[in-house]
mmCIF file of all heavy atoms, coordinates in Angstrom:
data_MODEL
# 
_entry.id   MODEL 
# 
loop_
_atom_site.group_PDB 
_atom_site.id 
_atom_site.type_symbol 
_atom_site.label_atom_id 
_atom_site.label_alt_id 
_atom_site.label_comp_id 
_atom_site.label_asym_id 
_atom_site.label_entity_id 
_atom_site.label_seq_id 
_atom_site.pdbx_PDB_ins_code 
_atom_site.Cartn_x 
_atom_site.Cartn_y 
_atom_site.Cartn_z 
_atom_site.occupancy 
_atom_site.B_iso_or_equiv 
_atom_site.pdbx_formal_charge 
_atom_site.auth_seq_id 
_atom_site.auth_comp_id 
_atom_site.auth_asym_id 
_atom_site.auth_atom_id 
_atom_site.pdbx_PDB_model_num 
ATOM 1   N N   . SER A 1 1  ? 127.300 -135.165 20.931 1.00 0.00 ? 1  SER A N   1 
ATOM 2   C CA  . SER A 1 1  ? 128.354 -136.036 21.786 1.00 0.00 ? 1  SER A CA  1 
ATOM 3   C C   . SER A 1 1  ? 128.414 -137.379 21.081 1.00 0.00 ? 1  SER A C   1 
ATOM 4   O O   . SER A 1 1  ? 127.571 -137.787 20.261 1.00 0.00 ? 1  SER A O   1 
ATOM 5   C CB  . SER A 1 1  ? 127.856 -136.081 23.211 1.00 0.00 ? 1  SER A CB  1 
ATOM 6   O OG  . SER A 1 1  ? 126.632 -136.679 23.279 1.00 0.00 ? 1  SER A OG  1 
ATOM 7   N N   . SER A 1 2  ? 129.511 -138.015 21.553 1.00 0.00 ? 2  SER A N   1 
ATOM 8   C CA  . SER A 1 2  ? 129.669 -139.534 21.032 1.00 0.00 ? 2  SER A CA  1 
ATOM 9   C C   . SER A 1 2  ? 128.915 -140.534 21.899 1.00 0.00 ? 2  SER A C   1 
ATOM 10  O O   . SER A 1 2  ? 128.749 -141.676 21.447 1.00 0.00 ? 2  SER A O   1 
ATOM 11  C CB  . SER A 1 2  ? 131.166 -139.815 20.959 1.00 0.00 ? 2  SER A CB  1 
ATOM 12  O OG  . SER A 1 2  ? 131.722 -139.626 22.239 1.00 0.00 ? 2  SER A OG  1 
ATOM 13  N N   . GLU A 1 3  ? 128.417 -140.102 23.067 1.00 0.00 ? 3  GLU A N   1 
ATOM 14  C CA  . GLU A 1 3  ? 127.714 -140.947 24.001 1.00 0.00 ? 3  GLU A CA  1 
ATOM 15  C C   . GLU A 1 3  ? 126.737 -140.158 24.696 1.00 0.00 ? 3  GLU A C   1 
ATOM 16  O O   . GLU A 1 3  ? 126.895 -138.952 24.784 1.00 0.00 ? 3  GLU A O   1 
ATOM 17  C CB  . GLU A 1 3  ? 128.631 -141.725 24.952 1.00 0.00 ? 3  GLU A CB  1 
ATOM 18  C CG  . GLU A 1 3  ? 129.388 -140.806 25.831 1.00 0.00 ? 3  GLU A CG  1 
ATOM 19  C CD  . GLU A 1 3  ? 130.416 -141.531 26.774 1.00 0.00 ? 3  GLU A CD  1 
ATOM 20  O OE1 . GLU A 1 3  ? 130.887 -142.632 26.211 1.00 0.00 ? 3  GLU A OE1 1 
ATOM 21  O OE2 . GLU A 1 3  ? 130.661 -140.990 27.850 1.00 0.00 ? 3  GLU A OE2 1 
ATOM 22  N N   . PRO A 1 4  ? 125.622 -140.795 25.218 1.00 0.00 ? 4  PRO A N   1 
ATOM 23  C CA  . PRO A 1 4  ? 124.557 -139.842 25.946 1.00 0.00 ? 4  PRO A CA  1 
ATOM 24  C C   . PRO A 1 4  ? 125.176 -139.217 27.105 1.00 0.00 ? 4  PRO A C   1 
ATOM 25  O O   . PRO A 1 4  ? 125.878 -139.595 27.805 1.00 0.00 ? 4  PRO A O   1 
ATOM 26  C CB  . PRO A 1 4  ? 123.582 -141.098 26.332 1.00 0.00 ? 4  PRO A CB  1 
ATOM 27  C CG  . PRO A 1 4  ? 123.777 -142.117 25.323 1.00 0.00 ? 4  PRO A CG  1 
ATOM 28  C CD  . PRO A 1 4  ? 125.247 -142.060 25.055 1.00 0.00 ? 4  PRO A CD  1 
ATOM 29  N N   . LEU A 1 5  ? 124.763 -138.005 27.310 1.00 0.00 ? 5  LEU A N   1 
ATOM 30  C CA  . LEU A 1 5  ? 125.264 -137.108 28.404 1.00 0.00 ? 5  LEU A CA  1 
ATOM 31  C C   . LEU A 1 5  ? 123.983 -136.620 29.146 1.00 0.00 ? 5  LEU A C   1 
ATOM 32  O O   . LEU A 1 5  ? 123.050 -136.185 28.558 1.00 0.00 ? 5  LEU A O   1 
ATOM 33  C CB  . LEU A 1 5  ? 126.028 -135.934 27.906 1.00 0.00 ? 5  LEU A CB  1 
ATOM 34  C CG  . LEU A 1 5  ? 127.353 -136.237 27.184 1.00 0.00 ? 5  LEU A CG  1 
ATOM 35  C CD1 . LEU A 1 5  ? 127.934 -134.867 26.713 1.00 0.00 ? 5  LEU A CD1 1 
ATOM 36  C CD2 . LEU A 1 5  ? 128.323 -137.049 27.964 1.00 0.00 ? 5  LEU A CD2 1 
ATOM 37  N N   . ALA A 1 6  ? 124.033 -136.832 30.490 1.00 0.00 ? 6  ALA A N   1 
ATOM 38  C CA  . ALA A 1 6  ? 122.858 -136.269 31.296 1.00 0.00 ? 6  ALA A CA  1 
ATOM 39  C C   . ALA A 1 6  ? 122.855 -134.765 31.255 1.00 0.00 ? 6  ALA A C   1 
ATOM 40  O O   . ALA A 1 6  ? 121.753 -134.189 31.125 1.00 0.00 ? 6  ALA A O   1 
ATOM 41  C CB  . ALA A 1 6  ? 123.087 -136.647 32.779 1.00 0.00 ? 6  ALA A CB  1 
ATOM 42  N N   . ASP A 1 7  ? 123.990 -134.116 31.243 1.00 0.00 ? 7  ASP A N   1 
ATOM 43  C CA  . ASP A 1 7  ? 124.169 -132.745 31.148 1.00 0.00 ? 7  ASP A CA  1 
ATOM 44  C C   . ASP A 1 7  ? 125.587 -132.312 30.742 1.00 0.00 ? 7  ASP A C   1 
ATOM 45  O O   . ASP A 1 7  ? 126.314 -133.218 30.692 1.00 0.00 ? 7  ASP A O   1 
ATOM 46  C CB  . ASP A 1 7  ? 123.650 -131.865 32.431 1.00 0.00 ? 7  ASP A CB  1 
ATOM 47  C CG  . ASP A 1 7  ? 124.539 -132.373 33.711 1.00 0.00 ? 7  ASP A CG  1 
ATOM 48  O OD1 . ASP A 1 7  ? 125.673 -132.316 33.689 1.00 0.00 ? 7  ASP A OD1 1 
ATOM 49  O OD2 . ASP A 1 7  ? 123.876 -132.806 34.759 1.00 0.00 ? 7  ASP A OD2 1 
ATOM 50  N N   . LEU A 1 8  ? 125.843 -131.039 30.723 1.00 0.00 ? 8  LEU A N   1 
ATOM 51  C CA  . LEU A 1 8  ? 127.254 -130.562 30.257 1.00 0.00 ? 8  LEU A CA  1 
ATOM 52  C C   . LEU A 1 8  ? 127.967 -130.048 31.452 1.00 0.00 ? 8  LEU A C   1 
ATOM 53  O O   . LEU A 1 8  ? 129.102 -129.437 31.214 1.00 0.00 ? 8  LEU A O   1 
ATOM 54  C CB  . LEU A 1 8  ? 127.106 -129.450 29.207 1.00 0.00 ? 8  LEU A CB  1 
ATOM 55  C CG  . LEU A 1 8  ? 126.406 -130.054 27.840 1.00 0.00 ? 8  LEU A CG  1 
ATOM 56  C CD1 . LEU A 1 8  ? 126.382 -128.814 26.922 1.00 0.00 ? 8  LEU A CD1 1 
ATOM 57  C CD2 . LEU A 1 8  ? 127.192 -131.178 27.239 1.00 0.00 ? 8  LEU A CD2 1 
ATOM 58  N N   . ARG A 1 9  ? 127.561 -130.264 32.648 1.00 0.00 ? 9  ARG A N   1 
ATOM 59  C CA  . ARG A 1 9  ? 128.307 -129.606 33.783 1.00 0.00 ? 9  ARG A CA  1 
ATOM 60  C C   . ARG A 1 9  ? 129.680 -130.204 33.884 1.00 0.00 ? 9  ARG A C   1 
ATOM 61  O O   . ARG A 1 9  ? 129.947 -131.402 33.941 1.00 0.00 ? 9  ARG A O   1 
ATOM 62  C CB  . ARG A 1 9  ? 127.575 -129.874 35.077 1.00 0.00 ? 9  ARG A CB  1 
ATOM 63  C CG  . ARG A 1 9  ? 126.189 -129.214 35.223 1.00 0.00 ? 9  ARG A CG  1 
ATOM 64  C CD  . ARG A 1 9  ? 125.535 -129.395 36.525 1.00 0.00 ? 9  ARG A CD  1 
ATOM 65  N NE  . ARG A 1 9  ? 124.192 -128.770 36.573 1.00 0.00 ? 9  ARG A NE  1 
ATOM 66  C CZ  . ARG A 1 9  ? 123.950 -127.506 36.762 1.00 0.00 ? 9  ARG A CZ  1 
ATOM 67  N NH1 . ARG A 1 9  ? 124.963 -126.731 36.949 1.00 0.00 ? 9  ARG A NH1 1 
ATOM 68  N NH2 . ARG A 1 9  ? 122.763 -127.053 36.687 1.00 0.00 ? 9  ARG A NH2 1 
ATOM 69  N N   . GLY A 1 10 ? 130.750 -129.226 33.884 1.00 0.00 ? 10 GLY A N   1 
ATOM 70  C CA  . GLY A 1 10 ? 131.988 -129.642 34.065 1.00 0.00 ? 10 GLY A CA  1 
ATOM 71  C C   . GLY A 1 10 ? 132.555 -130.350 32.735 1.00 0.00 ? 10 GLY A C   1 
ATOM 72  O O   . GLY A 1 10 ? 133.734 -130.816 32.786 1.00 0.00 ? 10 GLY A O   1 
ATOM 73  N N   . ARG A 1 11 ? 131.856 -130.369 31.679 1.00 0.00 ? 11 ARG A N   1 
ATOM 74  C CA  . ARG A 1 11 ? 132.314 -131.044 30.461 1.00 0.00 ? 11 ARG A CA  1 
ATOM 75  C C   . ARG A 1 11 ? 133.052 -130.040 29.570 1.00 0.00 ? 11 ARG A C   1 
ATOM 76  O O   . ARG A 1 11 ? 132.959 -128.877 29.577 1.00 0.00 ? 11 ARG A O   1 
ATOM 77  C CB  . ARG A 1 11 ? 131.063 -131.480 29.659 1.00 0.00 ? 11 ARG A CB  1 
ATOM 78  C CG  . ARG A 1 11 ? 130.194 -132.483 30.397 1.00 0.00 ? 11 ARG A CG  1 
ATOM 79  C CD  . ARG A 1 11 ? 130.841 -133.903 30.445 1.00 0.00 ? 11 ARG A CD  1 
ATOM 80  N NE  . ARG A 1 11 ? 129.800 -134.812 30.930 1.00 0.00 ? 11 ARG A NE  1 
ATOM 81  C CZ  . ARG A 1 11 ? 130.120 -136.229 31.007 1.00 0.00 ? 11 ARG A CZ  1 
ATOM 82  N NH1 . ARG A 1 11 ? 131.246 -136.611 30.449 1.00 0.00 ? 11 ARG A NH1 1 
ATOM 83  N NH2 . ARG A 1 11 ? 129.280 -136.936 31.541 1.00 0.00 ? 11 ARG A NH2 1 
ATOM 84  N N   . SER A 1 12 ? 133.890 -130.579 28.626 1.00 0.00 ? 12 SER A N   1 
ATOM 85  C CA  . SER A 1 12 ? 134.568 -129.966 27.658 1.00 0.00 ? 12 SER A CA  1 
ATOM 86  C C   . SER A 1 12 ? 133.715 -129.869 26.396 1.00 0.00 ? 12 SER A C   1 
ATOM 87  O O   . SER A 1 12 ? 133.295 -130.814 25.933 1.00 0.00 ? 12 SER A O   1 
ATOM 88  C CB  . SER A 1 12 ? 135.981 -130.466 27.348 1.00 0.00 ? 12 SER A CB  1 
ATOM 89  O OG  . SER A 1 12 ? 135.873 -131.794 26.926 1.00 0.00 ? 12 SER A OG  1 
ATOM 90  N N   . VAL A 1 13 ? 133.456 -128.612 25.801 1.00 0.00 ? 13 VAL A N   1 
ATOM 91  C CA  . VAL A 1 13 ? 132.674 -128.459 24.662 1.00 0.00 ? 13 VAL A CA  1 
ATOM 92  C C   . VAL A 1 13 ? 133.404 -127.664 23.595 1.00 0.00 ? 13 VAL A C   1 
ATOM 93  O O   . VAL A 1 13 ? 133.873 -126.581 23.820 1.00 0.00 ? 13 VAL A O   1 
ATOM 94  C CB  . VAL A 1 13 ? 131.339 -127.845 24.990 1.00 0.00 ? 13 VAL A CB  1 
ATOM 95  C CG1 . VAL A 1 13 ? 130.543 -127.568 23.633 1.00 0.00 ? 13 VAL A CG1 1 
ATOM 96  C CG2 . VAL A 1 13 ? 130.724 -128.535 26.086 1.00 0.00 ? 13 VAL A CG2 1 
ATOM 97  N N   . ALA A 1 14 ? 133.624 -128.320 22.395 1.00 0.00 ? 14 ALA A N   1 
ATOM 98  C CA  . ALA A 1 14 ? 134.217 -127.577 21.287 1.00 0.00 ? 14 ALA A CA  1 
ATOM 99  C C   . ALA A 1 14 ? 133.223 -126.492 20.700 1.00 0.00 ? 14 ALA A C   1 
ATOM 100 O O   . ALA A 1 14 ? 132.018 -126.971 20.447 1.00 0.00 ? 14 ALA A O   1 
ATOM 101 C CB  . ALA A 1 14 ? 134.702 -128.552 20.225 1.00 0.00 ? 14 ALA A CB  1 
ATOM 102 N N   . VAL A 1 15 ? 133.646 -125.316 20.509 1.00 0.00 ? 15 VAL A N   1 
ATOM 103 C CA  . VAL A 1 15 ? 132.676 -124.311 19.905 1.00 0.00 ? 15 VAL A CA  1 
ATOM 104 C C   . VAL A 1 15 ? 133.310 -123.690 18.689 1.00 0.00 ? 15 VAL A C   1 
ATOM 105 O O   . VAL A 1 15 ? 134.520 -123.585 18.612 1.00 0.00 ? 15 VAL A O   1 
ATOM 106 C CB  . VAL A 1 15 ? 132.331 -123.215 20.953 1.00 0.00 ? 15 VAL A CB  1 
ATOM 107 C CG1 . VAL A 1 15 ? 131.661 -123.800 22.078 1.00 0.00 ? 15 VAL A CG1 1 
ATOM 108 C CG2 . VAL A 1 15 ? 133.585 -122.450 21.519 1.00 0.00 ? 15 VAL A CG2 1 
ATOM 109 N N   . PRO A 1 16 ? 132.501 -123.239 17.811 1.00 0.00 ? 16 PRO A N   1 
ATOM 110 C CA  . PRO A 1 16 ? 133.021 -122.731 16.406 1.00 0.00 ? 16 PRO A CA  1 
ATOM 111 C C   . PRO A 1 16 ? 133.325 -121.246 16.551 1.00 0.00 ? 16 PRO A C   1 
ATOM 112 O O   . PRO A 1 16 ? 132.893 -120.419 15.619 1.00 0.00 ? 16 PRO A O   1 
ATOM 113 C CB  . PRO A 1 16 ? 131.877 -122.941 15.455 1.00 0.00 ? 16 PRO A CB  1 
ATOM 114 C CG  . PRO A 1 16 ? 130.720 -122.789 16.282 1.00 0.00 ? 16 PRO A CG  1 
ATOM 115 C CD  . PRO A 1 16 ? 130.983 -123.382 17.756 1.00 0.00 ? 16 PRO A CD  1 
ATOM 116 N N   . GLY A 1 17 ? 133.991 -120.734 17.619 1.00 0.00 ? 17 GLY A N   1 
ATOM 117 C CA  . GLY A 1 17 ? 134.371 -119.333 17.715 1.00 0.00 ? 17 GLY A CA  1 
ATOM 118 C C   . GLY A 1 17 ? 133.699 -118.629 18.732 1.00 0.00 ? 17 GLY A C   1 
ATOM 119 O O   . GLY A 1 17 ? 132.425 -118.942 18.954 1.00 0.00 ? 17 GLY A O   1 
ATOM 120 N N   . GLY A 1 18 ? 134.370 -117.794 19.376 1.00 0.00 ? 18 GLY A N   1 
ATOM 121 C CA  . GLY A 1 18 ? 133.824 -117.077 20.586 1.00 0.00 ? 18 GLY A CA  1 
ATOM 122 C C   . GLY A 1 18 ? 132.726 -116.020 20.298 1.00 0.00 ? 18 GLY A C   1 
ATOM 123 O O   . GLY A 1 18 ? 131.899 -115.680 21.156 1.00 0.00 ? 18 GLY A O   1 
ATOM 124 N N   . LEU A 1 19 ? 132.663 -115.650 19.100 1.00 0.00 ? 19 LEU A N   1 
ATOM 125 C CA  . LEU A 1 19 ? 131.636 -114.550 18.736 1.00 0.00 ? 19 LEU A CA  1 
ATOM 126 C C   . LEU A 1 19 ? 130.513 -115.074 17.780 1.00 0.00 ? 19 LEU A C   1 
ATOM 127 O O   . LEU A 1 19 ? 129.796 -114.239 17.307 1.00 0.00 ? 19 LEU A O   1 
ATOM 128 C CB  . LEU A 1 19 ? 132.406 -113.480 18.003 1.00 0.00 ? 19 LEU A CB  1 
ATOM 129 C CG  . LEU A 1 19 ? 133.279 -112.484 18.792 1.00 0.00 ? 19 LEU A CG  1 
ATOM 130 C CD1 . LEU A 1 19 ? 134.010 -111.458 18.156 1.00 0.00 ? 19 LEU A CD1 1 
ATOM 131 C CD2 . LEU A 1 19 ? 132.439 -111.781 19.977 1.00 0.00 ? 19 LEU A CD2 1 
ATOM 132 N N   . THR A 1 20 ? 130.381 -116.381 17.643 1.00 0.00 ? 20 THR A N   1 
ATOM 133 C CA  . THR A 1 20 ? 129.291 -116.853 16.985 1.00 0.00 ? 20 THR A CA  1 
ATOM 134 C C   . THR A 1 20 ? 128.044 -116.749 17.780 1.00 0.00 ? 20 THR A C   1 
ATOM 135 O O   . THR A 1 20 ? 128.100 -116.888 18.973 1.00 0.00 ? 20 THR A O   1 
ATOM 136 C CB  . THR A 1 20 ? 129.569 -118.438 16.530 1.00 0.00 ? 20 THR A CB  1 
ATOM 137 O OG1 . THR A 1 20 ? 129.758 -119.142 17.697 1.00 0.00 ? 20 THR A OG1 1 
ATOM 138 C CG2 . THR A 1 20 ? 130.742 -118.531 15.648 1.00 0.00 ? 20 THR A CG2 1 
ATOM 139 N N   . THR A 1 21 ? 126.872 -116.710 17.063 1.00 0.00 ? 21 THR A N   1 
ATOM 140 C CA  . THR A 1 21 ? 125.631 -116.684 17.839 1.00 0.00 ? 21 THR A CA  1 
ATOM 141 C C   . THR A 1 21 ? 125.343 -118.129 18.447 1.00 0.00 ? 21 THR A C   1 
ATOM 142 O O   . THR A 1 21 ? 124.837 -118.158 19.625 1.00 0.00 ? 21 THR A O   1 
ATOM 143 C CB  . THR A 1 21 ? 124.458 -116.453 16.895 1.00 0.00 ? 21 THR A CB  1 
ATOM 144 O OG1 . THR A 1 21 ? 124.732 -115.186 16.259 1.00 0.00 ? 21 THR A OG1 1 
ATOM 145 C CG2 . THR A 1 21 ? 123.094 -116.336 17.541 1.00 0.00 ? 21 THR A CG2 1 
ATOM 146 N N   . ALA A 1 22 ? 125.918 -119.163 17.903 1.00 0.00 ? 22 ALA A N   1 
ATOM 147 C CA  . ALA A 1 22 ? 125.896 -120.416 18.556 1.00 0.00 ? 22 ALA A CA  1 
ATOM 148 C C   . ALA A 1 22 ? 126.638 -120.490 19.852 1.00 0.00 ? 22 ALA A C   1 
ATOM 149 O O   . ALA A 1 22 ? 125.969 -120.952 20.771 1.00 0.00 ? 22 ALA A O   1 
ATOM 150 C CB  . ALA A 1 22 ? 126.583 -121.454 17.693 1.00 0.00 ? 22 ALA A CB  1 
ATOM 151 N N   . ARG A 1 23 ? 127.680 -119.833 19.996 1.00 0.00 ? 23 ARG A N   1 
ATOM 152 C CA  . ARG A 1 23 ? 128.350 -119.696 21.336 1.00 0.00 ? 23 ARG A CA  1 
ATOM 153 C C   . ARG A 1 23 ? 127.509 -118.900 22.363 1.00 0.00 ? 23 ARG A C   1 
ATOM 154 O O   . ARG A 1 23 ? 127.427 -119.266 23.544 1.00 0.00 ? 23 ARG A O   1 
ATOM 155 C CB  . ARG A 1 23 ? 129.693 -119.075 21.148 1.00 0.00 ? 23 ARG A CB  1 
ATOM 156 C CG  . ARG A 1 23 ? 130.417 -118.725 22.432 1.00 0.00 ? 23 ARG A CG  1 
ATOM 157 C CD  . ARG A 1 23 ? 130.790 -119.871 23.321 1.00 0.00 ? 23 ARG A CD  1 
ATOM 158 N NE  . ARG A 1 23 ? 131.594 -119.469 24.410 1.00 0.00 ? 23 ARG A NE  1 
ATOM 159 C CZ  . ARG A 1 23 ? 130.944 -119.119 25.573 1.00 0.00 ? 23 ARG A CZ  1 
ATOM 160 N NH1 . ARG A 1 23 ? 129.612 -119.065 25.609 1.00 0.00 ? 23 ARG A NH1 1 
ATOM 161 N NH2 . ARG A 1 23 ? 131.716 -118.754 26.518 1.00 0.00 ? 23 ARG A NH2 1 
ATOM 162 N N   . LEU A 1 24 ? 126.841 -117.860 21.865 1.00 0.00 ? 24 LEU A N   1 
ATOM 163 C CA  . LEU A 1 24 ? 126.065 -117.112 22.729 1.00 0.00 ? 24 LEU A CA  1 
ATOM 164 C C   . LEU A 1 24 ? 124.767 -117.902 23.197 1.00 0.00 ? 24 LEU A C   1 
ATOM 165 O O   . LEU A 1 24 ? 124.461 -117.884 24.409 1.00 0.00 ? 24 LEU A O   1 
ATOM 166 C CB  . LEU A 1 24 ? 125.504 -115.708 21.974 1.00 0.00 ? 24 LEU A CB  1 
ATOM 167 C CG  . LEU A 1 24 ? 124.666 -114.857 22.774 1.00 0.00 ? 24 LEU A CG  1 
ATOM 168 C CD1 . LEU A 1 24 ? 125.484 -114.214 24.016 1.00 0.00 ? 24 LEU A CD1 1 
ATOM 169 C CD2 . LEU A 1 24 ? 124.201 -113.655 21.867 1.00 0.00 ? 24 LEU A CD2 1 
ATOM 170 N N   . LEU A 1 25 ? 124.203 -118.641 22.203 1.00 0.00 ? 25 LEU A N   1 
ATOM 171 C CA  . LEU A 1 25 ? 123.100 -119.521 22.677 1.00 0.00 ? 25 LEU A CA  1 
ATOM 172 C C   . LEU A 1 25 ? 123.513 -120.534 23.672 1.00 0.00 ? 25 LEU A C   1 
ATOM 173 O O   . LEU A 1 25 ? 122.804 -120.908 24.590 1.00 0.00 ? 25 LEU A O   1 
ATOM 174 C CB  . LEU A 1 25 ? 122.401 -120.135 21.439 1.00 0.00 ? 25 LEU A CB  1 
ATOM 175 C CG  . LEU A 1 25 ? 121.739 -119.289 20.460 1.00 0.00 ? 25 LEU A CG  1 
ATOM 176 C CD1 . LEU A 1 25 ? 121.495 -119.939 19.171 1.00 0.00 ? 25 LEU A CD1 1 
ATOM 177 C CD2 . LEU A 1 25 ? 120.411 -118.766 21.120 1.00 0.00 ? 25 LEU A CD2 1 
# 
């Protein structure tokens, strides 16, 4: 992130594809 975040609830997160293992994790 560009600034500290307490958590990701309700946040927008860019992901490198819906079938990547990163997305699954």
